[in-house]
């Protein structure tokens, strides 16, 4: 979501997505049964989202175009801590 009214995004600052927007774009229902854990929902078992950015630059016109694709992995979710 790009908004010129949000100081965190817009011209030269990138795009801003909420977790809810990413989950909706991937078609994830957090209250649906987990595919990897019997008796658990995706909310409690976890979901791994994969965000792909397709960036195309045209050097002749000095323009760029990009799009996003978000998918939920069918593999078991893994907890990652930094």
Protein backbone atom coordinates (compact mmCIF):
# COMPACT_ATOMS: atom_id res chain seq x y z
CA UNK A 1 0.00 0.00 0.00
CA UNK A 2 1.46 3.31 -1.00
CA UNK A 3 0.23 6.45 0.67
CA UNK A 4 1.60 9.96 0.26
CA UNK A 5 -0.08 10.83 3.58
CA UNK A 6 1.97 8.32 5.55
CA UNK A 7 5.44 9.72 6.34
CA UNK A 8 6.90 6.18 6.46
CA UNK A 9 6.25 5.49 2.78
CA UNK A 10 5.76 7.21 -0.52
CA UNK A 11 8.10 8.94 -2.88
CA UNK A 12 11.59 7.58 -2.33
CA UNK A 13 10.69 5.76 0.88
CA UNK A 14 9.27 2.45 -0.35
CA UNK A 15 5.99 0.71 0.27
CA UNK A 16 4.26 -0.26 3.49
CA UNK A 17 2.19 -3.43 4.01
CA UNK A 18 0.37 -4.55 7.12
CA UNK A 19 0.57 -8.18 8.16
CA UNK A 20 -3.18 -8.41 7.57
CA UNK A 21 -2.74 -7.25 3.97
CA UNK A 22 0.00 -9.83 3.35
CA UNK A 23 -2.05 -12.64 4.88
CA UNK A 24 -5.10 -11.65 2.80
CA UNK A 25 -3.03 -11.45 -0.40
CA UNK A 26 -1.69 -14.95 0.29
CA UNK A 27 -5.19 -16.25 1.02
CA UNK A 28 -4.29 -17.28 4.57
CA UNK A 29 -7.03 -17.82 7.16
CA UNK A 30 -5.27 -17.96 10.53
CA UNK A 31 -8.21 -19.80 12.10
CA UNK A 32 -8.12 -22.61 9.50
CA UNK A 33 -6.61 -25.97 10.48
CA UNK A 34 -2.85 -26.22 10.18
CA UNK A 35 -1.53 -28.52 7.47
CA UNK A 36 1.55 -29.39 9.53
CA UNK A 37 0.17 -29.79 13.07
CA UNK A 38 -2.87 -31.97 13.79
CA UNK A 39 -5.44 -30.25 16.00
CA UNK A 40 -3.88 -26.79 15.70
CA UNK A 41 -4.88 -23.74 13.71
CA UNK A 42 -2.49 -21.88 11.45
CA UNK A 43 -2.57 -19.10 14.05
CA UNK A 44 -1.03 -21.35 16.72
CA UNK A 45 1.15 -23.55 14.48
CA UNK A 46 2.55 -20.69 12.41
CA UNK A 47 2.61 -19.73 8.74
CA UNK A 48 5.58 -18.96 6.52
CA UNK A 49 4.96 -16.20 3.98
CA UNK A 50 7.14 -15.78 0.90
CA UNK A 51 7.26 -12.26 -0.56
CA UNK A 52 8.65 -11.95 -4.08
CA UNK A 53 9.46 -8.61 -5.70
CA UNK A 54 9.60 -8.43 -9.49
CA UNK A 55 11.62 -5.32 -10.39
CA UNK A 56 12.13 -4.18 -13.97
CA UNK A 57 14.27 -1.19 -14.90
CA UNK A 58 14.31 0.46 -18.32
CA UNK A 59 17.64 2.22 -18.77
CA UNK A 60 16.53 3.96 -21.97
CA UNK A 61 13.56 5.72 -20.39
CA UNK A 62 15.11 5.85 -16.91
CA UNK A 63 11.97 4.32 -15.45
CA UNK A 64 11.23 1.34 -13.28
CA UNK A 65 8.28 -0.87 -12.58
CA UNK A 66 7.80 -3.44 -9.87
CA UNK A 67 5.16 -5.78 -8.50
CA UNK A 68 4.76 -7.94 -5.42
CA UNK A 69 3.64 -11.54 -5.09
CA UNK A 70 2.99 -13.09 -1.68
CA UNK A 71 2.39 -16.80 -1.06
CA UNK A 72 2.06 -19.01 1.98
CA UNK A 73 4.51 -21.89 2.05
CA UNK A 74 2.99 -25.36 2.22
CA UNK A 75 6.04 -26.44 4.24
CA UNK A 76 6.02 -26.53 8.02
CA UNK A 77 6.47 -23.13 9.63
CA UNK A 78 9.73 -22.65 11.53
CA UNK A 79 10.37 -20.21 14.35
CA UNK A 80 13.30 -17.91 13.67
CA UNK A 81 14.81 -15.60 16.27
CA UNK A 82 17.50 -12.99 15.69
